[in-house]
Every structure is written in structure tokens, then in C-alpha cells.
Amino acid sequence: MTTREFYESIGASYDNVLVRFGSEKMITKFAKRFADDTTFQDMCKALEEKNAKEAFRMAHTLKGICSNLGFDELYKASYDLTEDLRDGELSGYEQDYEKVCEKYKIVYDNVTKIDN
């Protein structure tokens, strides 16, 4: 799968990211690194441990990563989860967390298929 095809598969704009990064080589380099990033797993662990402060921090970090890489759908989901967790309470976040998990899986499953 090309990098452009990857962005299309996750419902994101390759062209918008290309403007920001300047070259396909740079986009590919950083998109592939996403597969090794542990922010999502750290967020899940913090939620399991009922650590609202750390869960917020990790959701916020994930949101930033997705914004920078142009992972639009995962960005939107992580934005909503970040706002749910902003007040330090672990209530009412579950639906947005499920959406983050769903969108993360789509990105992760496809980013590992980039072959250029």
C-alpha cells in the first residue's frame, strides 16, 4: 500500500499532510513510526488503572500526534475523549473511548501495510 493509499484508507487527506510535511518520504517515515508509538496503550492502561490524570495526558498526546500526522478521524475521536477527561473525572468517557479504540485499530491496521 502506498502512503497515499494509506491516507485514503483511513479517511484522511494525503494532500493536506503533504503540504505540511513537504515530501512523501517524510510523511511515510513519521506515519510508520506511529505503529511503534505506545501512547494509545499507555492511555488504555491508565484508564484500566483509573488514573484520570495520566489518561488525560495520554489522550491529549494522542490527539496531538494525530493532528500532526493528519489522522483526522482518530484526531476527532481523541479530541472528544480528551475533553471527557479534562476535568479529572472518570465518568461519561466510555463511548468516546470506544470510538478512539475503533479509529485507532483502523489506523494501526493500515499503517503497518505501507510498503514505500
N, C-alpha and C. Protein backbone atom coordinates (compact mmCIF):
# COMPACT_ATOMS: atom_id res chain seq x y z
N MET A 1 0.85 -1.18 0.00
CA MET A 1 0.00 0.00 0.00
C MET A 1 0.90 1.24 0.00
N THR A 2 0.59 2.18 -0.85
CA THR A 2 1.36 3.43 -0.86
C THR A 2 0.91 4.31 0.31
N THR A 3 1.66 5.32 0.58
CA THR A 3 1.30 6.25 1.65
C THR A 3 0.00 6.97 1.31
N ARG A 4 -0.17 7.35 0.07
CA ARG A 4 -1.43 7.98 -0.35
C ARG A 4 -2.60 7.04 -0.13
N GLU A 5 -2.43 5.78 -0.52
CA GLU A 5 -3.49 4.79 -0.33
C GLU A 5 -3.80 4.59 1.15
N PHE A 6 -2.77 4.64 1.98
CA PHE A 6 -2.98 4.55 3.42
C PHE A 6 -3.89 5.68 3.90
N TYR A 7 -3.57 6.90 3.53
CA TYR A 7 -4.38 8.04 3.96
C TYR A 7 -5.82 7.92 3.45
N GLU A 8 -5.99 7.46 2.24
CA GLU A 8 -7.33 7.25 1.71
C GLU A 8 -8.07 6.18 2.51
N SER A 9 -7.36 5.13 2.92
CA SER A 9 -7.99 4.02 3.65
C SER A 9 -8.47 4.42 5.04
N ILE A 10 -7.88 5.48 5.60
CA ILE A 10 -8.31 5.92 6.93
C ILE A 10 -9.19 7.16 6.87
N GLY A 11 -9.56 7.57 5.67
CA GLY A 11 -10.44 8.72 5.50
C GLY A 11 -9.78 10.04 5.78
N ALA A 12 -8.50 10.15 5.46
CA ALA A 12 -7.75 11.38 5.72
C ALA A 12 -7.22 11.95 4.40
N SER A 13 -6.79 13.20 4.44
CA SER A 13 -6.31 13.89 3.25
C SER A 13 -4.79 13.82 3.14
N TYR A 14 -4.32 13.01 2.24
CA TYR A 14 -2.89 12.91 1.97
C TYR A 14 -2.34 14.27 1.51
N ASP A 15 -3.09 14.95 0.65
CA ASP A 15 -2.61 16.22 0.11
C ASP A 15 -2.41 17.27 1.20
N ASN A 16 -3.29 17.32 2.19
CA ASN A 16 -3.12 18.26 3.31
C ASN A 16 -1.85 17.95 4.10
N VAL A 17 -1.59 16.68 4.31
CA VAL A 17 -0.39 16.27 5.05
C VAL A 17 0.86 16.55 4.22
N LEU A 18 0.78 16.35 2.92
CA LEU A 18 1.91 16.61 2.04
C LEU A 18 2.32 18.08 2.10
N VAL A 19 1.36 18.97 2.16
CA VAL A 19 1.66 20.40 2.27
C VAL A 19 2.44 20.66 3.57
N ARG A 20 2.02 20.02 4.64
CA ARG A 20 2.64 20.23 5.95
C ARG A 20 4.05 19.62 6.02
N PHE A 21 4.21 18.41 5.48
CA PHE A 21 5.49 17.70 5.60
C PHE A 21 6.45 17.97 4.45
N GLY A 22 5.94 18.32 3.29
CA GLY A 22 6.79 18.68 2.18
C GLY A 22 7.23 17.56 1.26
N SER A 23 7.19 16.32 1.74
CA SER A 23 7.58 15.21 0.87
C SER A 23 6.93 13.91 1.34
N GLU A 24 6.71 13.03 0.39
CA GLU A 24 6.13 11.73 0.74
C GLU A 24 7.07 10.95 1.65
N LYS A 25 8.35 11.09 1.43
CA LYS A 25 9.34 10.39 2.25
C LYS A 25 9.18 10.74 3.73
N MET A 26 8.99 12.01 4.01
CA MET A 26 8.81 12.44 5.40
C MET A 26 7.49 11.93 5.98
N ILE A 27 6.43 12.01 5.19
CA ILE A 27 5.13 11.50 5.66
C ILE A 27 5.24 10.03 5.99
N THR A 28 5.81 9.27 5.09
CA THR A 28 5.94 7.83 5.28
C THR A 28 6.76 7.51 6.51
N LYS A 29 7.86 8.21 6.69
CA LYS A 29 8.74 7.99 7.84
C LYS A 29 7.98 8.16 9.15
N PHE A 30 7.25 9.25 9.29
CA PHE A 30 6.56 9.52 10.54
C PHE A 30 5.28 8.70 10.70
N ALA A 31 4.59 8.44 9.61
CA ALA A 31 3.38 7.60 9.70
C ALA A 31 3.75 6.20 10.17
N LYS A 32 4.84 5.65 9.62
CA LYS A 32 5.27 4.30 10.02
C LYS A 32 5.69 4.25 11.49
N ARG A 33 6.24 5.32 11.99
CA ARG A 33 6.65 5.37 13.40
C ARG A 33 5.44 5.27 14.33
N PHE A 34 4.27 5.65 13.84
CA PHE A 34 3.06 5.60 14.65
C PHE A 34 2.81 4.18 15.16
N ALA A 35 3.13 3.18 14.35
CA ALA A 35 2.90 1.78 14.74
C ALA A 35 3.68 1.40 15.98
N ASP A 36 4.81 2.06 16.24
CA ASP A 36 5.64 1.74 17.40
C ASP A 36 5.37 2.64 18.60
N ASP A 37 4.56 3.65 18.41
CA ASP A 37 4.26 4.59 19.50
C ASP A 37 3.37 3.91 20.53
N THR A 38 3.65 4.12 21.81
CA THR A 38 2.89 3.45 22.87
C THR A 38 1.86 4.35 23.55
N THR A 39 1.63 5.52 23.01
CA THR A 39 0.70 6.45 23.66
C THR A 39 -0.70 5.84 23.84
N PHE A 40 -1.21 5.20 22.81
CA PHE A 40 -2.54 4.59 22.91
C PHE A 40 -2.57 3.52 24.00
N GLN A 41 -1.58 2.64 24.01
CA GLN A 41 -1.53 1.59 25.02
C GLN A 41 -1.39 2.18 26.42
N ASP A 42 -0.58 3.23 26.55
CA ASP A 42 -0.42 3.89 27.85
C ASP A 42 -1.73 4.52 28.31
N MET A 43 -2.49 5.07 27.39
CA MET A 43 -3.79 5.64 27.72
C MET A 43 -4.75 4.55 28.21
N CYS A 44 -4.77 3.45 27.49
CA CYS A 44 -5.64 2.32 27.88
C CYS A 44 -5.27 1.82 29.28
N LYS A 45 -3.99 1.70 29.54
CA LYS A 45 -3.52 1.23 30.84
C LYS A 45 -3.94 2.21 31.94
N ALA A 46 -3.79 3.49 31.68
CA ALA A 46 -4.18 4.50 32.67
C ALA A 46 -5.68 4.43 32.96
N LEU A 47 -6.47 4.21 31.95
CA LEU A 47 -7.92 4.08 32.16
C LEU A 47 -8.24 2.82 32.96
N GLU A 48 -7.58 1.73 32.65
CA GLU A 48 -7.77 0.48 33.40
C GLU A 48 -7.42 0.67 34.87
N GLU A 49 -6.38 1.45 35.11
CA GLU A 49 -5.91 1.69 36.48
C GLU A 49 -6.66 2.84 37.15
N LYS A 50 -7.64 3.41 36.45
CA LYS A 50 -8.46 4.52 36.96
C LYS A 50 -7.61 5.75 37.30
N ASN A 51 -6.56 5.97 36.50
CA ASN A 51 -5.68 7.10 36.69
C ASN A 51 -6.11 8.20 35.71
N ALA A 52 -7.02 9.04 36.17
CA ALA A 52 -7.62 10.06 35.29
C ALA A 52 -6.59 11.05 34.77
N LYS A 53 -5.67 11.46 35.60
CA LYS A 53 -4.67 12.45 35.20
C LYS A 53 -3.79 11.91 34.07
N GLU A 54 -3.32 10.68 34.22
CA GLU A 54 -2.47 10.08 33.19
C GLU A 54 -3.27 9.76 31.93
N ALA A 55 -4.50 9.31 32.10
CA ALA A 55 -5.36 9.02 30.94
C ALA A 55 -5.58 10.29 30.13
N PHE A 56 -5.84 11.40 30.81
CA PHE A 56 -6.00 12.68 30.12
C PHE A 56 -4.73 13.05 29.37
N ARG A 57 -3.60 12.92 30.03
CA ARG A 57 -2.32 13.28 29.42
C ARG A 57 -2.05 12.46 28.16
N MET A 58 -2.34 11.17 28.24
CA MET A 58 -2.10 10.30 27.09
C MET A 58 -3.11 10.56 25.97
N ALA A 59 -4.36 10.81 26.31
CA ALA A 59 -5.37 11.14 25.29
C ALA A 59 -4.99 12.44 24.59
N HIS A 60 -4.52 13.41 25.37
CA HIS A 60 -4.09 14.69 24.82
C HIS A 60 -2.89 14.51 23.89
N THR A 61 -1.96 13.67 24.29
CA THR A 61 -0.78 13.39 23.47
C THR A 61 -1.20 12.70 22.17
N LEU A 62 -2.09 11.71 22.28
CA LEU A 62 -2.58 11.01 21.08
C LEU A 62 -3.25 12.00 20.13
N LYS A 63 -4.04 12.89 20.69
CA LYS A 63 -4.71 13.92 19.88
C LYS A 63 -3.68 14.74 19.11
N GLY A 64 -2.62 15.15 19.76
CA GLY A 64 -1.57 15.94 19.11
C GLY A 64 -0.85 15.18 18.02
N ILE A 65 -0.54 13.93 18.29
CA ILE A 65 0.13 13.09 17.28
C ILE A 65 -0.76 12.99 16.04
N CYS A 66 -2.03 12.72 16.28
CA CYS A 66 -2.97 12.55 15.16
C CYS A 66 -3.16 13.85 14.38
N SER A 67 -3.16 14.95 15.08
CA SER A 67 -3.28 16.25 14.42
C SER A 67 -2.07 16.47 13.51
N ASN A 68 -0.89 16.23 14.04
CA ASN A 68 0.34 16.43 13.26
C ASN A 68 0.41 15.52 12.04
N LEU A 69 -0.03 14.27 12.19
CA LEU A 69 0.07 13.30 11.11
C LEU A 69 -1.14 13.33 10.18
N GLY A 70 -2.14 14.11 10.51
CA GLY A 70 -3.32 14.20 9.65
C GLY A 70 -4.24 13.00 9.72
N PHE A 71 -4.21 12.28 10.84
CA PHE A 71 -5.12 11.15 11.05
C PHE A 71 -6.44 11.72 11.55
N ASP A 72 -7.21 12.30 10.66
CA ASP A 72 -8.36 13.13 11.00
C ASP A 72 -9.40 12.45 11.87
N GLU A 73 -9.80 11.25 11.52
CA GLU A 73 -10.85 10.56 12.27
C GLU A 73 -10.39 10.19 13.67
N LEU A 74 -9.17 9.71 13.80
CA LEU A 74 -8.63 9.39 15.12
C LEU A 74 -8.40 10.67 15.92
N TYR A 75 -8.01 11.73 15.25
CA TYR A 75 -7.87 13.02 15.92
C TYR A 75 -9.20 13.45 16.53
N LYS A 76 -10.28 13.39 15.75
CA LYS A 76 -11.59 13.82 16.24
C LYS A 76 -12.02 12.99 17.44
N ALA A 77 -11.83 11.69 17.36
CA ALA A 77 -12.21 10.81 18.47
C ALA A 77 -11.36 11.09 19.71
N SER A 78 -10.06 11.28 19.52
CA SER A 78 -9.19 11.54 20.68
C SER A 78 -9.43 12.93 21.25
N TYR A 79 -9.84 13.86 20.42
CA TYR A 79 -10.22 15.19 20.90
C TYR A 79 -11.41 15.07 21.86
N ASP A 80 -12.43 14.33 21.44
CA ASP A 80 -13.62 14.16 22.29
C ASP A 80 -13.26 13.47 23.60
N LEU A 81 -12.42 12.45 23.53
CA LEU A 81 -12.01 11.76 24.76
C LEU A 81 -11.20 12.68 25.66
N THR A 82 -10.33 13.46 25.09
CA THR A 82 -9.55 14.42 25.87
C THR A 82 -10.47 15.36 26.63
N GLU A 83 -11.49 15.85 25.97
CA GLU A 83 -12.43 16.76 26.63
C GLU A 83 -13.21 16.05 27.73
N ASP A 84 -13.55 14.77 27.51
CA ASP A 84 -14.24 14.00 28.55
C ASP A 84 -13.39 13.88 29.81
N LEU A 85 -12.09 13.77 29.63
CA LEU A 85 -11.18 13.52 30.75
C LEU A 85 -10.59 14.79 31.35
N ARG A 86 -10.82 15.90 30.72
CA ARG A 86 -10.19 17.16 31.12
C ARG A 86 -10.45 17.53 32.58
N ASP A 87 -11.64 17.24 33.08
CA ASP A 87 -11.98 17.64 34.45
C ASP A 87 -11.44 16.70 35.52
N GLY A 88 -10.73 15.65 35.09
CA GLY A 88 -10.12 14.75 36.05
C GLY A 88 -11.06 13.68 36.59
N GLU A 89 -12.24 13.61 36.04
CA GLU A 89 -13.22 12.61 36.48
C GLU A 89 -13.32 11.50 35.45
N LEU A 90 -13.45 10.28 35.93
CA LEU A 90 -13.59 9.14 35.03
C LEU A 90 -15.06 8.73 34.96
N SER A 91 -15.85 9.58 34.36
CA SER A 91 -17.26 9.26 34.16
C SER A 91 -17.71 9.86 32.83
N GLY A 92 -18.50 9.10 32.11
CA GLY A 92 -19.04 9.59 30.86
C GLY A 92 -18.08 9.58 29.69
N TYR A 93 -16.97 8.91 29.81
CA TYR A 93 -15.97 8.88 28.74
C TYR A 93 -16.06 7.61 27.89
N GLU A 94 -16.79 6.63 28.34
CA GLU A 94 -16.75 5.29 27.76
C GLU A 94 -17.08 5.25 26.26
N GLN A 95 -18.10 5.95 25.85
CA GLN A 95 -18.48 5.93 24.43
C GLN A 95 -17.38 6.53 23.55
N ASP A 96 -16.81 7.62 24.01
CA ASP A 96 -15.72 8.24 23.23
C ASP A 96 -14.46 7.37 23.26
N TYR A 97 -14.23 6.69 24.36
CA TYR A 97 -13.09 5.77 24.44
C TYR A 97 -13.26 4.63 23.43
N GLU A 98 -14.46 4.09 23.33
CA GLU A 98 -14.72 3.03 22.35
C GLU A 98 -14.46 3.52 20.93
N LYS A 99 -14.84 4.76 20.66
CA LYS A 99 -14.62 5.33 19.33
C LYS A 99 -13.12 5.49 19.05
N VAL A 100 -12.37 5.92 20.06
CA VAL A 100 -10.91 6.03 19.90
C VAL A 100 -10.34 4.65 19.59
N CYS A 101 -10.77 3.64 20.32
CA CYS A 101 -10.27 2.28 20.08
C CYS A 101 -10.58 1.82 18.66
N GLU A 102 -11.79 2.10 18.21
CA GLU A 102 -12.20 1.72 16.85
C GLU A 102 -11.35 2.43 15.80
N LYS A 103 -11.17 3.74 15.95
CA LYS A 103 -10.41 4.52 14.98
C LYS A 103 -8.91 4.18 15.04
N TYR A 104 -8.41 3.92 16.24
CA TYR A 104 -7.01 3.54 16.39
C TYR A 104 -6.73 2.25 15.62
N LYS A 105 -7.63 1.27 15.77
CA LYS A 105 -7.44 -0.02 15.09
C LYS A 105 -7.38 0.17 13.58
N ILE A 106 -8.22 1.02 13.04
CA ILE A 106 -8.22 1.28 11.60
C ILE A 106 -6.86 1.86 11.17
N VAL A 107 -6.40 2.86 11.90
CA VAL A 107 -5.12 3.48 11.55
C VAL A 107 -3.98 2.48 11.71
N TYR A 108 -3.94 1.81 12.86
CA TYR A 108 -2.85 0.87 13.12
C TYR A 108 -2.81 -0.25 12.08
N ASP A 109 -3.96 -0.85 11.83
CA ASP A 109 -4.00 -1.96 10.87
C ASP A 109 -3.54 -1.54 9.49
N ASN A 110 -3.81 -0.32 9.11
CA ASN A 110 -3.44 0.15 7.77
C ASN A 110 -2.03 0.73 7.70
N VAL A 111 -1.58 1.38 8.76
CA VAL A 111 -0.24 1.98 8.72
C VAL A 111 0.83 0.90 8.61
N THR A 112 0.55 -0.26 9.14
CA THR A 112 1.52 -1.35 9.06
C THR A 112 1.59 -1.94 7.64
N LYS A 113 0.70 -1.55 6.77
CA LYS A 113 0.68 -2.05 5.39
C LYS A 113 1.39 -1.12 4.40
N ILE A 114 1.85 0.03 4.87
CA ILE A 114 2.57 0.94 3.97
C ILE A 114 3.86 0.26 3.54
N ASP A 115 4.07 0.21 2.24
CA ASP A 115 5.25 -0.52 1.73
C ASP A 115 6.27 0.37 1.03
N ASN A 116 6.12 1.67 1.10
CA ASN A 116 7.12 2.52 0.45
C ASN A 116 7.81 3.40 1.44
